[in-house]
Amino acid sequence: MTTPSSDSQKKNWYAHWIKVGLGAVERLLEKNNSGNYCVGDQVTLADCFLIPQWANALRMECELSHYPRCQKVYQHCSALPEFIVAAPENQPGFIAP
């Protein structure tokens, strides 16, 4: 896939890679997860990597209904104080898209 140039191409390009990446994570969670986080019942690096990707996918208006396990982790983590403090909109100099 080539690098996008127009806004429409950028959106399609991003949606493609979100589909590939979150699809793989969703399959892993389906096989290995029964807790509120990517790995069991405590925050791990997996959660720290998933949450920003999910937030970017939301920002880019990607279709996310195919990833209910990822969404569950995102919703749970997003309610934790540490993730709230780390959210992009809570950073100095944040400019809304």
N, C-alpha and C. Protein backbone atom coordinates (compact mmCIF):
# COMPACT_ATOMS: atom_id res chain seq x y z
N MET A 1 0.85 -1.17 0.00
CA MET A 1 0.00 0.00 0.00
C MET A 1 0.90 1.24 0.00
N THR A 2 0.59 2.18 -0.86
CA THR A 2 1.41 3.39 -0.96
C THR A 2 0.99 4.41 0.09
N THR A 3 1.87 5.35 0.34
CA THR A 3 1.59 6.41 1.29
C THR A 3 0.51 7.33 0.72
N PRO A 4 -0.50 7.68 1.52
CA PRO A 4 -1.61 8.50 1.03
C PRO A 4 -1.23 9.95 0.82
N SER A 5 -1.98 10.61 -0.08
CA SER A 5 -1.73 12.03 -0.31
C SER A 5 -2.97 12.88 -0.02
N SER A 6 -4.15 12.42 -0.38
CA SER A 6 -5.36 13.20 -0.11
C SER A 6 -5.95 12.78 1.24
N ASP A 7 -6.86 13.58 1.76
CA ASP A 7 -7.51 13.25 3.03
C ASP A 7 -8.25 11.92 2.94
N SER A 8 -8.93 11.70 1.82
CA SER A 8 -9.66 10.46 1.62
C SER A 8 -8.71 9.27 1.57
N GLN A 9 -7.61 9.42 0.87
CA GLN A 9 -6.62 8.34 0.81
C GLN A 9 -6.02 8.08 2.19
N LYS A 10 -5.78 9.16 2.93
CA LYS A 10 -5.22 9.01 4.27
C LYS A 10 -6.17 8.22 5.16
N LYS A 11 -7.44 8.55 5.08
CA LYS A 11 -8.44 7.87 5.90
C LYS A 11 -8.52 6.38 5.53
N ASN A 12 -8.52 6.09 4.24
CA ASN A 12 -8.57 4.70 3.77
C ASN A 12 -7.30 3.94 4.17
N TRP A 13 -6.16 4.59 4.04
CA TRP A 13 -4.88 3.99 4.41
C TRP A 13 -4.88 3.66 5.89
N TYR A 14 -5.31 4.60 6.70
CA TYR A 14 -5.34 4.39 8.15
C TYR A 14 -6.32 3.28 8.51
N ALA A 15 -7.50 3.29 7.89
CA ALA A 15 -8.51 2.27 8.16
C ALA A 15 -7.98 0.88 7.82
N HIS A 16 -7.23 0.77 6.74
CA HIS A 16 -6.64 -0.51 6.36
C HIS A 16 -5.73 -1.04 7.47
N TRP A 17 -4.83 -0.20 7.95
CA TRP A 17 -3.87 -0.64 8.96
C TRP A 17 -4.51 -0.86 10.32
N ILE A 18 -5.55 -0.12 10.63
CA ILE A 18 -6.31 -0.37 11.86
C ILE A 18 -6.98 -1.73 11.77
N LYS A 19 -7.55 -2.03 10.62
CA LYS A 19 -8.20 -3.33 10.41
C LYS A 19 -7.20 -4.47 10.59
N VAL A 20 -6.03 -4.33 10.02
CA VAL A 20 -5.00 -5.37 10.15
C VAL A 20 -4.56 -5.51 11.61
N GLY A 21 -4.22 -4.40 12.23
CA GLY A 21 -3.69 -4.43 13.60
C GLY A 21 -4.71 -4.82 14.64
N LEU A 22 -5.87 -4.15 14.65
CA LEU A 22 -6.87 -4.47 15.65
C LEU A 22 -7.48 -5.84 15.41
N GLY A 23 -7.53 -6.26 14.15
CA GLY A 23 -8.01 -7.61 13.85
C GLY A 23 -7.13 -8.65 14.52
N ALA A 24 -5.83 -8.46 14.45
CA ALA A 24 -4.89 -9.39 15.08
C ALA A 24 -5.03 -9.35 16.60
N VAL A 25 -5.15 -8.16 17.18
CA VAL A 25 -5.31 -8.04 18.64
C VAL A 25 -6.63 -8.68 19.07
N GLU A 26 -7.68 -8.44 18.33
CA GLU A 26 -8.98 -9.02 18.67
C GLU A 26 -8.91 -10.55 18.70
N ARG A 27 -8.23 -11.14 17.73
CA ARG A 27 -8.08 -12.60 17.70
C ARG A 27 -7.28 -13.10 18.91
N LEU A 28 -6.23 -12.37 19.26
CA LEU A 28 -5.45 -12.75 20.45
C LEU A 28 -6.29 -12.66 21.72
N LEU A 29 -7.06 -11.59 21.83
CA LEU A 29 -7.91 -11.42 23.01
C LEU A 29 -8.98 -12.51 23.06
N GLU A 30 -9.50 -12.89 21.92
CA GLU A 30 -10.52 -13.94 21.86
C GLU A 30 -9.96 -15.26 22.40
N LYS A 31 -8.72 -15.55 22.07
CA LYS A 31 -8.09 -16.81 22.50
C LYS A 31 -7.61 -16.77 23.95
N ASN A 32 -7.14 -15.61 24.39
CA ASN A 32 -6.37 -15.57 25.64
C ASN A 32 -6.90 -14.66 26.73
N ASN A 33 -8.02 -13.99 26.54
CA ASN A 33 -8.40 -12.97 27.51
C ASN A 33 -9.76 -13.25 28.11
N SER A 34 -9.83 -13.14 29.42
CA SER A 34 -11.13 -13.20 30.09
C SER A 34 -11.26 -12.08 31.11
N GLY A 35 -10.24 -11.22 31.19
CA GLY A 35 -10.25 -10.13 32.16
C GLY A 35 -10.59 -8.79 31.53
N ASN A 36 -10.34 -7.73 32.29
CA ASN A 36 -10.64 -6.38 31.83
C ASN A 36 -9.51 -5.74 31.03
N TYR A 37 -8.38 -6.40 30.99
CA TYR A 37 -7.20 -5.86 30.31
C TYR A 37 -6.77 -6.84 29.22
N CYS A 38 -5.78 -6.46 28.46
CA CYS A 38 -5.29 -7.33 27.39
C CYS A 38 -4.75 -8.64 27.94
N VAL A 39 -4.13 -8.57 29.13
CA VAL A 39 -3.55 -9.77 29.74
C VAL A 39 -4.06 -9.86 31.17
N GLY A 40 -5.11 -10.64 31.37
CA GLY A 40 -5.60 -10.88 32.72
C GLY A 40 -6.24 -9.68 33.38
N ASP A 41 -5.93 -9.52 34.66
CA ASP A 41 -6.60 -8.49 35.47
C ASP A 41 -5.68 -7.41 35.99
N GLN A 42 -4.66 -7.08 35.21
CA GLN A 42 -3.82 -5.94 35.56
C GLN A 42 -3.30 -5.28 34.29
N VAL A 43 -3.01 -4.00 34.40
CA VAL A 43 -2.49 -3.24 33.26
C VAL A 43 -1.11 -3.78 32.89
N THR A 44 -0.90 -3.95 31.59
CA THR A 44 0.41 -4.34 31.08
C THR A 44 0.76 -3.41 29.92
N LEU A 45 1.96 -3.60 29.38
CA LEU A 45 2.34 -2.80 28.20
C LEU A 45 1.38 -2.99 27.05
N ALA A 46 0.78 -4.17 26.94
CA ALA A 46 -0.19 -4.41 25.86
C ALA A 46 -1.31 -3.38 25.91
N ASP A 47 -1.80 -3.07 27.09
CA ASP A 47 -2.85 -2.05 27.24
C ASP A 47 -2.33 -0.67 26.86
N CYS A 48 -1.09 -0.40 27.26
CA CYS A 48 -0.49 0.90 26.96
C CYS A 48 -0.28 1.11 25.47
N PHE A 49 -0.17 0.02 24.72
CA PHE A 49 -0.05 0.12 23.26
C PHE A 49 -1.42 0.14 22.59
N LEU A 50 -2.37 -0.61 23.12
CA LEU A 50 -3.70 -0.69 22.51
C LEU A 50 -4.47 0.62 22.64
N ILE A 51 -4.44 1.23 23.80
CA ILE A 51 -5.29 2.40 24.06
C ILE A 51 -5.02 3.55 23.08
N PRO A 52 -3.76 3.93 22.83
CA PRO A 52 -3.52 5.01 21.86
C PRO A 52 -3.95 4.64 20.44
N GLN A 53 -3.80 3.37 20.07
CA GLN A 53 -4.24 2.96 18.73
C GLN A 53 -5.74 3.07 18.59
N TRP A 54 -6.45 2.66 19.63
CA TRP A 54 -7.91 2.76 19.61
C TRP A 54 -8.34 4.23 19.56
N ALA A 55 -7.68 5.06 20.34
CA ALA A 55 -8.01 6.49 20.34
C ALA A 55 -7.76 7.11 18.96
N ASN A 56 -6.67 6.73 18.32
CA ASN A 56 -6.40 7.24 16.96
C ASN A 56 -7.42 6.72 15.96
N ALA A 57 -7.83 5.48 16.12
CA ALA A 57 -8.85 4.93 15.23
C ALA A 57 -10.17 5.69 15.39
N LEU A 58 -10.51 6.05 16.62
CA LEU A 58 -11.70 6.87 16.85
C LEU A 58 -11.54 8.24 16.18
N ARG A 59 -10.38 8.82 16.35
CA ARG A 59 -10.10 10.15 15.77
C ARG A 59 -10.22 10.11 14.25
N MET A 60 -9.78 8.99 13.65
CA MET A 60 -9.82 8.86 12.19
C MET A 60 -11.14 8.27 11.70
N GLU A 61 -12.10 8.11 12.62
CA GLU A 61 -13.46 7.64 12.31
C GLU A 61 -13.47 6.27 11.64
N CYS A 62 -12.63 5.37 12.14
CA CYS A 62 -12.58 4.01 11.63
C CYS A 62 -13.77 3.20 12.16
N GLU A 63 -14.17 2.22 11.38
CA GLU A 63 -15.22 1.29 11.80
C GLU A 63 -14.62 0.34 12.84
N LEU A 64 -15.17 0.35 14.05
CA LEU A 64 -14.58 -0.42 15.15
C LEU A 64 -15.52 -1.47 15.73
N SER A 65 -16.69 -1.66 15.14
CA SER A 65 -17.66 -2.59 15.71
C SER A 65 -17.20 -4.04 15.65
N HIS A 66 -16.20 -4.35 14.85
CA HIS A 66 -15.71 -5.72 14.71
C HIS A 66 -14.72 -6.11 15.81
N TYR A 67 -14.47 -5.20 16.75
CA TYR A 67 -13.44 -5.43 17.77
C TYR A 67 -14.00 -5.24 19.18
N PRO A 68 -15.02 -6.01 19.55
CA PRO A 68 -15.67 -5.80 20.86
C PRO A 68 -14.74 -6.04 22.05
N ARG A 69 -13.80 -6.96 21.94
CA ARG A 69 -12.88 -7.21 23.05
C ARG A 69 -11.90 -6.06 23.22
N CYS A 70 -11.43 -5.53 22.12
CA CYS A 70 -10.56 -4.35 22.18
C CYS A 70 -11.32 -3.18 22.77
N GLN A 71 -12.57 -3.02 22.37
CA GLN A 71 -13.38 -1.92 22.89
C GLN A 71 -13.58 -2.06 24.40
N LYS A 72 -13.80 -3.28 24.86
CA LYS A 72 -13.98 -3.52 26.30
C LYS A 72 -12.72 -3.08 27.06
N VAL A 73 -11.56 -3.45 26.57
CA VAL A 73 -10.31 -3.06 27.22
C VAL A 73 -10.17 -1.54 27.18
N TYR A 74 -10.44 -0.94 26.02
CA TYR A 74 -10.35 0.51 25.89
C TYR A 74 -11.26 1.22 26.89
N GLN A 75 -12.50 0.79 26.97
CA GLN A 75 -13.45 1.44 27.88
C GLN A 75 -13.02 1.28 29.34
N HIS A 76 -12.54 0.11 29.68
CA HIS A 76 -12.10 -0.10 31.06
C HIS A 76 -10.88 0.76 31.38
N CYS A 77 -9.88 0.72 30.51
CA CYS A 77 -8.65 1.49 30.77
C CYS A 77 -8.91 2.99 30.76
N SER A 78 -9.77 3.43 29.89
CA SER A 78 -10.04 4.87 29.76
C SER A 78 -10.68 5.46 31.00
N ALA A 79 -11.21 4.62 31.85
CA ALA A 79 -11.82 5.10 33.10
C ALA A 79 -10.81 5.16 34.25
N LEU A 80 -9.61 4.64 34.03
CA LEU A 80 -8.59 4.64 35.09
C LEU A 80 -7.88 6.00 35.15
N PRO A 81 -7.61 6.50 36.34
CA PRO A 81 -6.98 7.82 36.48
C PRO A 81 -5.68 7.97 35.68
N GLU A 82 -4.86 6.93 35.65
CA GLU A 82 -3.58 7.02 34.94
C GLU A 82 -3.77 7.20 33.44
N PHE A 83 -4.77 6.55 32.87
CA PHE A 83 -5.04 6.69 31.44
C PHE A 83 -5.71 8.03 31.15
N ILE A 84 -6.51 8.51 32.07
CA ILE A 84 -7.15 9.83 31.90
C ILE A 84 -6.08 10.91 31.86
N VAL A 85 -5.14 10.86 32.79
CA VAL A 85 -4.05 11.84 32.83
C VAL A 85 -3.20 11.78 31.56
N ALA A 86 -3.02 10.57 31.03
CA ALA A 86 -2.16 10.39 29.85
C ALA A 86 -2.87 10.65 28.53
N ALA A 87 -4.17 10.86 28.54
CA ALA A 87 -4.93 11.06 27.30
C ALA A 87 -4.41 12.29 26.55
N PRO A 88 -4.39 12.20 25.22
CA PRO A 88 -3.86 13.31 24.42
C PRO A 88 -4.52 14.66 24.73
N GLU A 89 -5.83 14.65 24.93
CA GLU A 89 -6.54 15.91 25.18
C GLU A 89 -6.17 16.53 26.52
N ASN A 90 -5.49 15.78 27.39
CA ASN A 90 -5.06 16.31 28.68
C ASN A 90 -3.60 16.70 28.71
N GLN A 91 -2.98 16.76 27.54
CA GLN A 91 -1.57 17.12 27.46
C GLN A 91 -1.40 18.60 27.14
N PRO A 92 -0.35 19.22 27.68
CA PRO A 92 -0.07 20.63 27.36
C PRO A 92 0.11 20.79 25.85
N GLY A 93 -0.47 21.80 25.31
CA GLY A 93 -0.31 22.09 23.90
C GLY A 93 -1.22 21.29 22.98
N PHE A 94 -2.13 20.49 23.55
CA PHE A 94 -3.04 19.70 22.72
C PHE A 94 -3.89 20.62 21.85
N ILE A 95 -3.97 20.25 20.59
CA ILE A 95 -4.83 20.98 19.64
C ILE A 95 -5.84 19.99 19.10
N ALA A 96 -7.10 20.27 19.31
CA ALA A 96 -8.16 19.37 18.85
C ALA A 96 -8.15 19.29 17.33
N PRO A 97 -8.40 18.07 16.80
CA PRO A 97 -8.43 17.92 15.33
C PRO A 97 -9.58 18.67 14.70
